[in-house]
Every structure is written in C-alpha cells, then in structure tokens.
Amino acid sequence: MKRNNYIAYALWLAGGCSSLLGMPIGGGLHRIYCGKFISGFSQIALFWLGSFTLWFLVGFLFWAIWGLWWLFDLFFVGIWVEEINALSGEIDSDDYEQRLKKVDALYELYQKGVISKEEFEARKEILMRD
C-alpha cells in the first residue's frame, strides 16, 4: 500500500501538537504509518512514561527526550514515505514481470498447438487482471 506524505506529516504534527496541548495521544503514529512499528510504539510509550512520572519530576526528562525525538523525525518522515513507496513499487513491477513471463510461456504452448486460442486468451486474461 502506497503511503502519502501529507498524511504522514499530519500524523507527525497531530501527535506532537496534541501532546503539547494536553490531549492523550502522544507522538509515534507517524512512525507506525511509515512501517516503523517498534520505534513508533516506543515513542508513544516514552511519552506516556513521561506523563505518568511527571509528579516525580523525572517525567520532564522523558518528555524532553521524546520532544527531541519527535522534532528529529520531522526531517525523516518524507524519506521514510519515499522508501516504503519505492519498496512497494518494486514489488509491483516484479509481480508484473512474472505475469509477462507466464503469458510468454502460455503463448509458446499456443504456438506448439498444446492449447487452443480461446484457452490462451482466457488464461492470459486471468493472469493480467489486477
């Protein structure tokens, strides 16, 4: 599935701004959207750890680390979206090439008379569907 830069940055901004405004989300959703599940959940956990330990004043340290990490992500969200889209594009092109090879093999069978033209067309139609 292709990712969208606008959605990734909106999740980044929503995670940070809602956390700063006191909404209970925490950043990290942008990482999850970009396929970085472990670090995304870790970022959310760090935010919540800071929230729960705020009374002991240790929470400010966790929030500071989380905030720097969140700002750091600003520069990498676009790169992650491009990488994951490129990866999905490679998979799609490889799949298409495999289909073409199968159609070529079917055509050879048709040329040799092993299958009829109708059977070749029917199988080709099945292979080339998206």
Protein backbone atom coordinates (compact mmCIF):
# COMPACT_ATOMS: atom_id res chain seq x y z
CA MET A 1 0.00 0.00 0.00
CA LYS A 2 1.39 3.38 -1.01
CA ARG A 3 1.88 5.99 1.70
CA ASN A 4 1.09 9.70 1.43
CA ASN A 5 3.48 12.42 2.60
CA TYR A 6 0.61 14.68 3.68
CA ILE A 7 -0.91 12.02 5.91
CA ALA A 8 2.47 11.13 7.42
CA TYR A 9 3.25 14.76 8.25
CA ALA A 10 -0.29 15.34 9.53
CA LEU A 11 0.15 12.41 11.92
CA TRP A 12 3.52 13.80 12.96
CA LEU A 13 2.05 17.22 13.62
CA ALA A 14 -1.07 15.88 15.30
CA GLY A 15 0.97 13.67 17.61
CA GLY A 16 3.21 16.49 18.71
CA CYS A 17 0.66 19.28 18.93
CA SER A 18 -1.96 17.21 20.70
CA SER A 19 0.67 16.13 23.21
CA LEU A 20 1.70 19.72 23.78
CA LEU A 21 -1.93 20.74 24.21
CA GLY A 22 -2.59 18.02 26.78
CA MET A 23 -4.51 15.63 24.55
CA PRO A 24 -3.80 11.97 25.34
CA ILE A 25 -2.30 10.80 22.03
CA GLY A 26 1.47 11.15 22.15
CA GLY A 27 3.63 11.13 19.04
CA GLY A 28 4.60 8.00 17.21
CA LEU A 29 1.63 7.42 14.93
CA HIS A 30 3.62 8.81 12.01
CA ARG A 31 6.27 6.15 12.61
CA ILE A 32 3.66 3.40 12.69
CA TYR A 33 2.16 4.75 9.45
CA CYS A 34 5.62 4.57 7.84
CA GLY A 35 6.08 0.94 8.91
CA LYS A 36 8.35 1.57 11.90
CA PHE A 37 6.17 -0.21 14.43
CA ILE A 38 8.65 -0.85 17.24
CA SER A 39 10.01 2.68 17.34
CA GLY A 40 6.50 4.11 16.91
CA PHE A 41 5.16 2.25 19.92
CA SER A 42 8.38 3.07 21.80
CA GLN A 43 7.85 6.76 21.13
CA ILE A 44 4.27 6.56 22.39
CA ALA A 45 5.43 4.62 25.46
CA LEU A 46 8.12 7.20 26.18
CA PHE A 47 5.54 9.97 26.07
CA TRP A 48 3.24 8.10 28.43
CA LEU A 49 6.10 7.18 30.75
CA GLY A 50 6.91 10.87 30.97
CA SER A 51 3.27 11.67 31.65
CA PHE A 52 2.97 9.14 34.48
CA THR A 53 6.25 10.12 36.12
CA LEU A 54 5.67 13.83 35.85
CA TRP A 55 4.86 14.03 39.55
CA PHE A 56 8.33 12.78 40.39
CA LEU A 57 9.90 15.40 38.08
CA VAL A 58 11.60 12.59 36.15
CA GLY A 59 8.80 12.88 33.62
CA PHE A 60 10.23 16.14 32.33
CA LEU A 61 13.38 14.29 31.30
CA PHE A 62 11.33 11.66 29.43
CA TRP A 63 9.28 14.40 27.78
CA ALA A 64 12.45 16.24 26.75
CA ILE A 65 13.85 13.08 25.14
CA TRP A 66 10.50 12.43 23.47
CA GLY A 67 10.29 16.03 22.22
CA LEU A 68 13.76 15.93 20.68
CA TRP A 69 12.98 12.58 19.11
CA TRP A 70 9.70 13.99 17.74
CA LEU A 71 11.48 17.03 16.25
CA PHE A 72 14.20 14.79 14.83
CA ASP A 73 11.50 12.85 12.95
CA LEU A 74 10.50 15.99 11.04
CA PHE A 75 13.48 15.51 8.77
CA PHE A 76 12.96 11.80 8.18
CA VAL A 77 9.22 11.32 7.63
CA GLY A 78 9.45 12.24 3.95
CA ILE A 79 12.40 9.90 3.44
CA TRP A 80 10.55 7.02 5.10
CA VAL A 81 7.48 7.57 2.92
CA GLU A 82 9.64 7.56 -0.23
CA GLU A 83 11.42 4.39 0.87
CA ILE A 84 8.26 2.47 1.65
CA ASN A 85 6.64 3.61 -1.62
CA ALA A 86 9.74 2.60 -3.58
CA LEU A 87 9.69 -0.80 -1.92
CA SER A 88 6.03 -1.35 -2.77
CA GLY A 89 6.72 -0.16 -6.33
CA GLU A 90 9.48 -2.74 -6.73
CA ILE A 91 7.17 -5.48 -5.57
CA ASP A 92 4.51 -4.39 -8.07
CA SER A 93 6.94 -4.29 -11.01
CA ASP A 94 8.38 -7.69 -10.09
CA ASP A 95 4.88 -9.13 -9.96
CA TYR A 96 4.09 -7.65 -13.40
CA GLU A 97 7.27 -9.10 -14.88
CA GLN A 98 6.36 -12.54 -13.51
CA ARG A 99 2.95 -12.27 -15.15
CA LEU A 100 4.50 -11.38 -18.50
CA LYS A 101 6.78 -14.42 -18.30
CA LYS A 102 3.77 -16.63 -17.66
CA VAL A 103 1.94 -15.12 -20.63
CA ASP A 104 5.01 -15.78 -22.81
CA ALA A 105 5.02 -19.41 -21.66
CA LEU A 106 1.32 -19.68 -22.49
CA TYR A 107 1.95 -18.19 -25.93
CA GLU A 108 4.61 -20.80 -26.60
CA LEU A 109 2.11 -23.52 -25.67
CA TYR A 110 -0.39 -21.94 -28.06
CA GLN A 111 2.26 -21.79 -30.82
CA LYS A 112 3.01 -25.51 -30.33
CA GLY A 113 -0.69 -26.35 -30.50
CA VAL A 114 -0.91 -27.65 -26.94
CA ILE A 115 -3.70 -25.19 -26.05
CA SER A 116 -6.31 -23.51 -28.21
CA LYS A 117 -6.52 -19.80 -28.94
CA GLU A 118 -9.60 -19.47 -26.71
CA GLU A 119 -7.83 -21.18 -23.83
CA PHE A 120 -4.76 -18.97 -24.34
CA GLU A 121 -6.91 -15.82 -24.30
CA ALA A 122 -8.84 -16.95 -21.21
CA ARG A 123 -5.70 -17.81 -19.24
CA LYS A 124 -3.99 -14.59 -20.35
CA GLU A 125 -6.99 -12.59 -19.14
CA ILE A 126 -6.84 -14.30 -15.75
CA LEU A 127 -3.08 -13.65 -15.41
CA MET A 128 -3.23 -9.98 -16.40
CA ARG A 129 -6.02 -8.95 -14.01
CA ASP A 130 -5.02 -6.50 -11.31
